[in-house]
Amino acid sequence: MRKFLILAALATAFTGPAFANNKQQEVMKSCNTAATGKKGDERKDFMKACLSDGRKAQQEKMKTCNADATGKKGDERKAFMSQCLSKG
């Protein structure tokens, strides 16, 4: 039983960050593309602002989807959230 709990904890620890990293990678890719042609401090400042805006946008999207999912439970909520968060 102890071995199972350890494996479950490890699986949870690695699954959550992987999902978050995918969203973060999308934001990074988008900002990197938008920063084409910028160099040095200008690029650094642009990337900092862009990445911050991307995180804020994702947080707002999560809040909106979460509010819209009120009343849904279980698989219905999971499916709704997945679809809502993946919208462009």
PDB file of N, CA and C in Angstrom:
ATOM      1  N   MET A   1       0.819  -1.186   0.000  1.00  0.00           N
ATOM      2  CA  MET A   1       0.000   0.000   0.000  1.00  0.00           C
ATOM      3  C   MET A   1       0.869   1.258   0.000  1.00  0.00           C
ATOM      4  N   ARG A   2       1.924   1.249   0.780  1.00  0.00           N
ATOM      5  CA  ARG A   2       2.808   2.416   0.856  1.00  0.00           C
ATOM      6  C   ARG A   2       3.436   2.706  -0.507  1.00  0.00           C
ATOM      7  N   LYS A   3       3.826   1.645  -1.207  1.00  0.00           N
ATOM      8  CA  LYS A   3       4.434   1.799  -2.534  1.00  0.00           C
ATOM      9  C   LYS A   3       3.437   2.444  -3.498  1.00  0.00           C
ATOM     10  N   PHE A   4       2.168   2.035  -3.413  1.00  0.00           N
ATOM     11  CA  PHE A   4       1.125   2.601  -4.262  1.00  0.00           C
ATOM     12  C   PHE A   4       0.958   4.092  -3.992  1.00  0.00           C
ATOM     13  N   LEU A   5       0.944   4.479  -2.721  1.00  0.00           N
ATOM     14  CA  LEU A   5       0.782   5.883  -2.364  1.00  0.00           C
ATOM     15  C   LEU A   5       1.943   6.727  -2.876  1.00  0.00           C
ATOM     16  N   ILE A   6       3.132   6.193  -2.792  1.00  0.00           N
ATOM     17  CA  ILE A   6       4.306   6.907  -3.291  1.00  0.00           C
ATOM     18  C   ILE A   6       4.209   7.082  -4.803  1.00  0.00           C
ATOM     19  N   LEU A   7       3.829   6.022  -5.508  1.00  0.00           N
ATOM     20  CA  LEU A   7       3.679   6.112  -6.959  1.00  0.00           C
ATOM     21  C   LEU A   7       2.570   7.090  -7.352  1.00  0.00           C
ATOM     22  N   ALA A   8       1.476   7.076  -6.615  1.00  0.00           N
ATOM     23  CA  ALA A   8       0.373   8.001  -6.896  1.00  0.00           C
ATOM     24  C   ALA A   8       0.815   9.446  -6.680  1.00  0.00           C
ATOM     25  N   ALA A   9       1.553   9.688  -5.611  1.00  0.00           N
ATOM     26  CA  ALA A   9       2.042  11.042  -5.333  1.00  0.00           C
ATOM     27  C   ALA A   9       3.001  11.510  -6.416  1.00  0.00           C
ATOM     28  N   LEU A  10       3.872  10.631  -6.863  1.00  0.00           N
ATOM     29  CA  LEU A  10       4.808  10.986  -7.929  1.00  0.00           C
ATOM     30  C   LEU A  10       4.076  11.276  -9.235  1.00  0.00           C
ATOM     31  N   ALA A  11       3.096  10.454  -9.559  1.00  0.00           N
ATOM     32  CA  ALA A  11       2.328  10.666 -10.792  1.00  0.00           C
ATOM     33  C   ALA A  11       1.624  12.013 -10.760  1.00  0.00           C
ATOM     34  N   THR A  12       1.042  12.355  -9.625  1.00  0.00           N
ATOM     35  CA  THR A  12       0.355  13.635  -9.483  1.00  0.00           C
ATOM     36  C   THR A  12       1.349  14.792  -9.583  1.00  0.00           C
ATOM     37  N   ALA A  13       2.489  14.634  -8.965  1.00  0.00           N
ATOM     38  CA  ALA A  13       3.499  15.697  -8.974  1.00  0.00           C
ATOM     39  C   ALA A  13       4.009  15.989 -10.376  1.00  0.00           C
ATOM     40  N   PHE A  14       4.105  14.965 -11.201  1.00  0.00           N
ATOM     41  CA  PHE A  14       4.650  15.167 -12.539  1.00  0.00           C
ATOM     42  C   PHE A  14       3.583  15.486 -13.574  1.00  0.00           C
ATOM     43  N   THR A  15       2.347  15.132 -13.342  1.00  0.00           N
ATOM     44  CA  THR A  15       1.287  15.380 -14.318  1.00  0.00           C
ATOM     45  C   THR A  15       0.840  16.834 -14.296  1.00  0.00           C
ATOM     46  N   GLY A  16       0.610  17.392 -13.130  1.00  0.00           N
ATOM     47  CA  GLY A  16       0.159  18.777 -13.013  1.00  0.00           C
ATOM     48  C   GLY A  16       1.120  19.764 -13.652  1.00  0.00           C
ATOM     49  N   PRO A  17       2.405  19.725 -13.302  1.00  0.00           N
ATOM     50  CA  PRO A  17       3.353  20.638 -13.909  1.00  0.00           C
ATOM     51  C   PRO A  17       3.486  20.451 -15.425  1.00  0.00           C
ATOM     52  N   ALA A  18       3.317  19.251 -15.915  1.00  0.00           N
ATOM     53  CA  ALA A  18       3.422  19.020 -17.358  1.00  0.00           C
ATOM     54  C   ALA A  18       2.321  19.764 -18.089  1.00  0.00           C
ATOM     55  N   PHE A  19       1.106  19.743 -17.534  1.00  0.00           N
ATOM     56  CA  PHE A  19       0.003  20.469 -18.158  1.00  0.00           C
ATOM     57  C   PHE A  19       0.286  21.961 -18.126  1.00  0.00           C
ATOM     58  N   ALA A  20       0.754  22.449 -17.004  1.00  0.00           N
ATOM     59  CA  ALA A  20       1.061  23.869 -16.873  1.00  0.00           C
ATOM     60  C   ALA A  20       2.178  24.275 -17.820  1.00  0.00           C
ATOM     61  N   ASN A  21       3.179  23.423 -17.974  1.00  0.00           N
ATOM     62  CA  ASN A  21       4.289  23.731 -18.866  1.00  0.00           C
ATOM     63  C   ASN A  21       3.837  23.859 -20.308  1.00  0.00           C
ATOM     64  N   ASN A  22       2.835  23.068 -20.730  1.00  0.00           N
ATOM     65  CA  ASN A  22       2.349  23.177 -22.099  1.00  0.00           C
ATOM     66  C   ASN A  22       1.767  24.557 -22.360  1.00  0.00           C
ATOM     67  N   LYS A  23       0.979  25.074 -21.446  1.00  0.00           N
ATOM     68  CA  LYS A  23       0.400  26.416 -21.593  1.00  0.00           C
ATOM     69  C   LYS A  23       1.494  27.470 -21.563  1.00  0.00           C
ATOM     70  N   GLN A  24       2.436  27.291 -20.665  1.00  0.00           N
ATOM     71  CA  GLN A  24       3.544  28.234 -20.556  1.00  0.00           C
ATOM     72  C   GLN A  24       4.382  28.216 -21.825  1.00  0.00           C
ATOM     73  N   GLN A  25       4.584  27.041 -22.397  1.00  0.00           N
ATOM     74  CA  GLN A  25       5.343  26.931 -23.637  1.00  0.00           C
ATOM     75  C   GLN A  25       4.627  27.624 -24.785  1.00  0.00           C
ATOM     76  N   GLU A  26       3.299  27.527 -24.813  1.00  0.00           N
ATOM     77  CA  GLU A  26       2.532  28.213 -25.858  1.00  0.00           C
ATOM     78  C   GLU A  26       2.709  29.724 -25.752  1.00  0.00           C
ATOM     79  N   VAL A  27       2.649  30.242 -24.519  1.00  0.00           N
ATOM     80  CA  VAL A  27       2.826  31.676 -24.304  1.00  0.00           C
ATOM     81  C   VAL A  27       4.233  32.085 -24.701  1.00  0.00           C
ATOM     82  N   MET A  28       5.230  31.292 -24.298  1.00  0.00           N
ATOM     83  CA  MET A  28       6.626  31.591 -24.629  1.00  0.00           C
ATOM     84  C   MET A  28       6.838  31.613 -26.143  1.00  0.00           C
ATOM     85  N   LYS A  29       6.279  30.647 -26.835  1.00  0.00           N
ATOM     86  CA  LYS A  29       6.424  30.569 -28.291  1.00  0.00           C
ATOM     87  C   LYS A  29       5.799  31.793 -28.961  1.00  0.00           C
ATOM     88  N   SER A  30       4.614  32.161 -28.507  1.00  0.00           N
ATOM     89  CA  SER A  30       3.923  33.319 -29.066  1.00  0.00           C
ATOM     90  C   SER A  30       4.721  34.606 -28.836  1.00  0.00           C
ATOM     91  N   CYS A  31       5.215  34.784 -27.613  1.00  0.00           N
ATOM     92  CA  CYS A  31       6.006  35.979 -27.292  1.00  0.00           C
ATOM     93  C   CYS A  31       7.316  35.998 -28.070  1.00  0.00           C
ATOM     94  N   ASN A  32       7.942  34.845 -28.193  1.00  0.00           N
ATOM     95  CA  ASN A  32       9.201  34.756 -28.919  1.00  0.00           C
ATOM     96  C   ASN A  32       9.003  35.144 -30.386  1.00  0.00           C
ATOM     97  N   THR A  33       7.915  34.694 -30.981  1.00  0.00           N
ATOM     98  CA  THR A  33       7.617  35.050 -32.370  1.00  0.00           C
ATOM     99  C   THR A  33       7.377  36.549 -32.499  1.00  0.00           C
ATOM    100  N   ALA A  34       6.648  37.113 -31.548  1.00  0.00           N
ATOM    101  CA  ALA A  34       6.355  38.548 -31.574  1.00  0.00           C
ATOM    102  C   ALA A  34       7.603  39.397 -31.335  1.00  0.00           C
ATOM    103  N   ALA A  35       8.625  38.833 -30.701  1.00  0.00           N
ATOM    104  CA  ALA A  35       9.845  39.577 -30.386  1.00  0.00           C
ATOM    105  C   ALA A  35      10.861  39.557 -31.525  1.00  0.00           C
ATOM    106  N   THR A  36      10.497  38.962 -32.652  1.00  0.00           N
ATOM    107  CA  THR A  36      11.416  38.881 -33.782  1.00  0.00           C
ATOM    108  C   THR A  36      11.903  40.279 -34.161  1.00  0.00           C
ATOM    109  N   GLY A  37      13.212  40.427 -34.286  1.00  0.00           N
ATOM    110  CA  GLY A  37      13.805  41.705 -34.665  1.00  0.00           C
ATOM    111  C   GLY A  37      14.260  42.554 -33.492  1.00  0.00           C
ATOM    112  N   LYS A  38      13.811  42.232 -32.305  1.00  0.00           N
ATOM    113  CA  LYS A  38      14.228  42.988 -31.129  1.00  0.00           C
ATOM    114  C   LYS A  38      15.507  42.367 -30.576  1.00  0.00           C
ATOM    115  N   LYS A  39      16.373  43.201 -30.021  1.00  0.00           N
ATOM    116  CA  LYS A  39      17.639  42.709 -29.494  1.00  0.00           C
ATOM    117  C   LYS A  39      17.951  43.367 -28.155  1.00  0.00           C
ATOM    118  N   GLY A  40      18.789  42.698 -27.390  1.00  0.00           N
ATOM    119  CA  GLY A  40      19.294  43.253 -26.137  1.00  0.00           C
ATOM    120  C   GLY A  40      18.217  43.570 -25.126  1.00  0.00           C
ATOM    121  N   ASP A  41      18.364  44.755 -24.501  1.00  0.00           N
ATOM    122  CA  ASP A  41      17.439  45.164 -23.444  1.00  0.00           C
ATOM    123  C   ASP A  41      16.017  45.334 -23.964  1.00  0.00           C
ATOM    124  N   GLU A  42      15.893  45.773 -25.212  1.00  0.00           N
ATOM    125  CA  GLU A  42      14.555  45.942 -25.790  1.00  0.00           C
ATOM    126  C   GLU A  42      13.827  44.588 -25.828  1.00  0.00           C
ATOM    127  N   ARG A  43      14.540  43.548 -26.279  1.00  0.00           N
ATOM    128  CA  ARG A  43      13.942  42.204 -26.342  1.00  0.00           C
ATOM    129  C   ARG A  43      13.631  41.684 -24.932  1.00  0.00           C
ATOM    130  N   LYS A  44      14.566  41.883 -24.025  1.00  0.00           N
ATOM    131  CA  LYS A  44      14.388  41.418 -22.645  1.00  0.00           C
ATOM    132  C   LYS A  44      13.152  42.060 -22.020  1.00  0.00           C
ATOM    133  N   ASP A  45      13.009  43.369 -22.171  1.00  0.00           N
ATOM    134  CA  ASP A  45      11.857  44.077 -21.619  1.00  0.00           C
ATOM    135  C   ASP A  45      10.552  43.631 -22.286  1.00  0.00           C
ATOM    136  N   PHE A  46      10.597  43.457 -23.604  1.00  0.00           N
ATOM    137  CA  PHE A  46       9.416  43.006 -24.334  1.00  0.00           C
ATOM    138  C   PHE A  46       8.977  41.622 -23.859  1.00  0.00           C
ATOM    139  N   MET A  47       9.928  40.704 -23.752  1.00  0.00           N
ATOM    140  CA  MET A  47       9.613  39.338 -23.342  1.00  0.00           C
ATOM    141  C   MET A  47       9.035  39.312 -21.927  1.00  0.00           C
ATOM    142  N   LYS A  48       9.599  40.103 -21.040  1.00  0.00           N
ATOM    143  CA  LYS A  48       9.106  40.152 -19.665  1.00  0.00           C
ATOM    144  C   LYS A  48       7.650  40.601 -19.638  1.00  0.00           C
ATOM    145  N   ALA A  49       7.339  41.668 -20.366  1.00  0.00           N
ATOM    146  CA  ALA A  49       5.972  42.184 -20.408  1.00  0.00           C
ATOM    147  C   ALA A  49       5.031  41.201 -21.099  1.00  0.00           C
ATOM    148  N   CYS A  50       5.473  40.627 -22.196  1.00  0.00           N
ATOM    149  CA  CYS A  50       4.643  39.694 -22.955  1.00  0.00           C
ATOM    150  C   CYS A  50       4.315  38.452 -22.139  1.00  0.00           C
ATOM    151  N   LEU A  51       5.309  37.877 -21.497  1.00  0.00           N
ATOM    152  CA  LEU A  51       5.089  36.673 -20.700  1.00  0.00           C
ATOM    153  C   LEU A  51       4.161  36.960 -19.522  1.00  0.00           C
ATOM    154  N   SER A  52       4.308  38.120 -18.919  1.00  0.00           N
ATOM    155  CA  SER A  52       3.443  38.508 -17.813  1.00  0.00           C
ATOM    156  C   SER A  52       1.998  38.636 -18.293  1.00  0.00           C
ATOM    157  N   ASP A  53       1.799  39.262 -19.456  1.00  0.00           N
ATOM    158  CA  ASP A  53       0.459  39.415 -20.020  1.00  0.00           C
ATOM    159  C   ASP A  53      -0.142  38.054 -20.365  1.00  0.00           C
ATOM    160  N   GLY A  54       0.670  37.148 -20.870  1.00  0.00           N
ATOM    161  CA  GLY A  54       0.193  35.813 -21.229  1.00  0.00           C
ATOM    162  C   GLY A  54      -0.290  35.047 -20.011  1.00  0.00           C
ATOM    163  N   ARG A  55       0.439  35.155 -18.910  1.00  0.00           N
ATOM    164  CA  ARG A  55       0.030  34.480 -17.681  1.00  0.00           C
ATOM    165  C   ARG A  55      -1.269  35.083 -17.147  1.00  0.00           C
ATOM    166  N   LYS A  56      -1.369  36.413 -17.211  1.00  0.00           N
ATOM    167  CA  LYS A  56      -2.580  37.082 -16.740  1.00  0.00           C
ATOM    168  C   LYS A  56      -3.777  36.662 -17.595  1.00  0.00           C
ATOM    169  N   ALA A  57      -3.574  36.575 -18.894  1.00  0.00           N
ATOM    170  CA  ALA A  57      -4.657  36.168 -19.791  1.00  0.00           C
ATOM    171  C   ALA A  57      -5.115  34.751 -19.470  1.00  0.00           C
ATOM    172  N   GLN A  58      -4.187  33.850 -19.206  1.00  0.00           N
ATOM    173  CA  GLN A  58      -4.530  32.465 -18.881  1.00  0.00           C
ATOM    174  C   GLN A  58      -5.290  32.398 -17.556  1.00  0.00           C
ATOM    175  N   GLN A  59      -4.891  33.205 -16.590  1.00  0.00           N
ATOM    176  CA  GLN A  59      -5.580  33.221 -15.304  1.00  0.00           C
ATOM    177  C   GLN A  59      -7.010  33.733 -15.468  1.00  0.00           C
ATOM    178  N   GLU A  60      -7.187  34.754 -16.284  1.00  0.00           N
ATOM    179  CA  GLU A  60      -8.527  35.291 -16.527  1.00  0.00           C
ATOM    180  C   GLU A  60      -9.393  34.259 -17.236  1.00  0.00           C
ATOM    181  N   LYS A  61      -8.798  33.540 -18.183  1.00  0.00           N
ATOM    182  CA  LYS A  61      -9.527  32.506 -18.909  1.00  0.00           C
ATOM    183  C   LYS A  61      -9.978  31.412 -17.936  1.00  0.00           C
ATOM    184  N   MET A  62      -9.107  31.035 -17.016  1.00  0.00           N
ATOM    185  CA  MET A  62      -9.431  30.018 -16.029  1.00  0.00           C
ATOM    186  C   MET A  62     -10.580  30.491 -15.141  1.00  0.00           C
ATOM    187  N   LYS A  63     -10.545  31.753 -14.708  1.00  0.00           N
ATOM    188  CA  LYS A  63     -11.617  32.300 -13.873  1.00  0.00           C
ATOM    189  C   LYS A  63     -12.947  32.271 -14.614  1.00  0.00           C
ATOM    190  N   THR A  64     -12.935  32.686 -15.866  1.00  0.00           N
ATOM    191  CA  THR A  64     -14.160  32.724 -16.661  1.00  0.00           C
ATOM    192  C   THR A  64     -14.726  31.323 -16.868  1.00  0.00           C
ATOM    193  N   CYS A  65     -13.875  30.395 -17.271  1.00  0.00           N
ATOM    194  CA  CYS A  65     -14.327  29.017 -17.495  1.00  0.00           C
ATOM    195  C   CYS A  65     -14.848  28.399 -16.200  1.00  0.00           C
ATOM    196  N   ASN A  66     -14.170  28.670 -15.105  1.00  0.00           N
ATOM    197  CA  ASN A  66     -14.574  28.140 -13.807  1.00  0.00           C
ATOM    198  C   ASN A  66     -15.956  28.668 -13.418  1.00  0.00           C
ATOM    199  N   ALA A  67     -16.190  29.954 -13.654  1.00  0.00           N
ATOM    200  CA  ALA A  67     -17.495  30.545 -13.346  1.00  0.00           C
ATOM    201  C   ALA A  67     -18.575  29.942 -14.240  1.00  0.00           C
ATOM    202  N   ASP A  68     -18.262  29.748 -15.515  1.00  0.00           N
ATOM    203  CA  ASP A  68     -19.226  29.173 -16.459  1.00  0.00           C
ATOM    204  C   ASP A  68     -19.530  27.711 -16.153  1.00  0.00           C
ATOM    205  N   ALA A  69     -18.636  27.030 -15.449  1.00  0.00           N
ATOM    206  CA  ALA A  69     -18.815  25.609 -15.139  1.00  0.00           C
ATOM    207  C   ALA A  69     -19.625  25.388 -13.867  1.00  0.00           C
ATOM    208  N   THR A  70     -20.098  26.454 -13.258  1.00  0.00           N
ATOM    209  CA  THR A  70     -20.874  26.334 -12.030  1.00  0.00           C
ATOM    210  C   THR A  70     -22.064  25.400 -12.256  1.00  0.00           C
ATOM    211  N   GLY A  71     -22.225  24.441 -11.356  1.00  0.00           N
ATOM    212  CA  GLY A  71     -23.331  23.488 -11.443  1.00  0.00           C
ATOM    213  C   GLY A  71     -22.961  22.190 -12.141  1.00  0.00           C
ATOM    214  N   LYS A  72     -21.865  22.196 -12.877  1.00  0.00           N
ATOM    215  CA  LYS A  72     -21.429  20.969 -13.546  1.00  0.00           C
ATOM    216  C   LYS A  72     -20.552  20.174 -12.584  1.00  0.00           C
ATOM    217  N   LYS A  73     -20.621  18.858 -12.679  1.00  0.00           N
ATOM    218  CA  LYS A  73     -19.836  18.003 -11.785  1.00  0.00           C
ATOM    219  C   LYS A  73     -19.229  16.841 -12.552  1.00  0.00           C
ATOM    220  N   GLY A  74     -18.172  16.293 -11.993  1.00  0.00           N
ATOM    221  CA  GLY A  74     -17.556  15.083 -12.522  1.00  0.00           C
ATOM    222  C   GLY A  74     -17.078  15.210 -13.955  1.00  0.00           C
ATOM    223  N   ASP A  75     -17.398  14.190 -14.748  1.00  0.00           N
ATOM    224  CA  ASP A  75     -16.928  14.133 -16.133  1.00  0.00           C
ATOM    225  C   ASP A  75     -17.480  15.283 -16.974  1.00  0.00           C
ATOM    226  N   GLU A  76     -18.710  15.699 -16.683  1.00  0.00           N
ATOM    227  CA  GLU A  76     -19.299  16.812 -17.438  1.00  0.00           C
ATOM    228  C   GLU A  76     -18.475  18.081 -17.221  1.00  0.00           C
ATOM    229  N   ARG A  77     -18.103  18.346 -15.958  1.00  0.00           N
ATOM    230  CA  ARG A  77     -17.297  19.535 -15.649  1.00  0.00           C
ATOM    231  C   ARG A  77     -15.912  19.432 -16.278  1.00  0.00           C
ATOM    232  N   LYS A  78     -15.310  18.254 -16.172  1.00  0.00           N
ATOM    233  CA  LYS A  78     -13.975  18.051 -16.724  1.00  0.00           C
ATOM    234  C   LYS A  78     -13.970  18.299 -18.232  1.00  0.00           C
ATOM    235  N   ALA A  79     -14.974  17.755 -18.925  1.00  0.00           N
ATOM    236  CA  ALA A  79     -15.072  17.932 -20.375  1.00  0.00           C
ATOM    237  C   ALA A  79     -15.308  19.401 -20.725  1.00  0.00           C
ATOM    238  N   PHE A  80     -16.179  20.055 -19.962  1.00  0.00           N
ATOM    239  CA  PHE A  80     -16.463  21.469 -20.213  1.00  0.00           C
ATOM    240  C   PHE A  80     -15.211  22.320 -20.025  1.00  0.00           C
ATOM    241  N   MET A  81     -14.501  22.107 -18.920  1.00  0.00           N
ATOM    242  CA  MET A  81     -13.304  22.888 -18.636  1.00  0.00           C
ATOM    243  C   MET A  81     -12.233  22.684 -19.703  1.00  0.00           C
ATOM    244  N   SER A  82     -12.052  21.450 -20.107  1.00  0.00           N
ATOM    245  CA  SER A  82     -11.071  21.146 -21.138  1.00  0.00           C
ATOM    246  C   SER A  82     -11.393  21.893 -22.428  1.00  0.00           C
ATOM    247  N   GLN A  83     -12.651  21.833 -22.821  1.00  0.00           N
ATOM    248  CA  GLN A  83     -13.085  22.492 -24.056  1.00  0.00           C
ATOM    249  C   GLN A  83     -12.985  24.018 -23.913  1.00  0.00           C
ATOM    250  N   CYS A  84     -13.414  24.539 -22.784  1.00  0.00           N
ATOM    251  CA  CYS A  84     -13.399  25.980 -22.554  1.00  0.00           C
ATOM    252  C   CYS A  84     -11.974  26.530 -22.548  1.00  0.00           C
ATOM    253  N   LEU A  85     -11.076  25.863 -21.857  1.00  0.00           N
ATOM    254  CA  LEU A  85      -9.703  26.346 -21.749  1.00  0.00           C
ATOM    255  C   LEU A  85      -8.926  26.197 -23.057  1.00  0.00           C
ATOM    256  N   SER A  86      -9.353  25.290 -23.921  1.00  0.00           N
ATOM    257  CA  SER A  86      -8.621  25.102 -25.182  1.00  0.00           C
ATOM    258  C   SER A  86      -9.081  26.049 -26.286  1.00  0.00           C
ATOM    259  N   LYS A  87     -10.145  26.806 -26.046  1.00  0.00           N
ATOM    260  CA  LYS A  87     -10.621  27.776 -27.036  1.00  0.00           C
ATOM    261  C   LYS A  87      -9.552  28.838 -27.259  1.00  0.00           C
ATOM    262  N   GLY A  88      -9.438  29.256 -28.516  1.00  0.00           N
ATOM    263  CA  GLY A  88      -8.462  30.293 -28.874  1.00  0.00           C
ATOM    264  C   GLY A  88      -8.716  31.574 -28.227  1.00  0.00           C
TER     265      GLY A  88
END
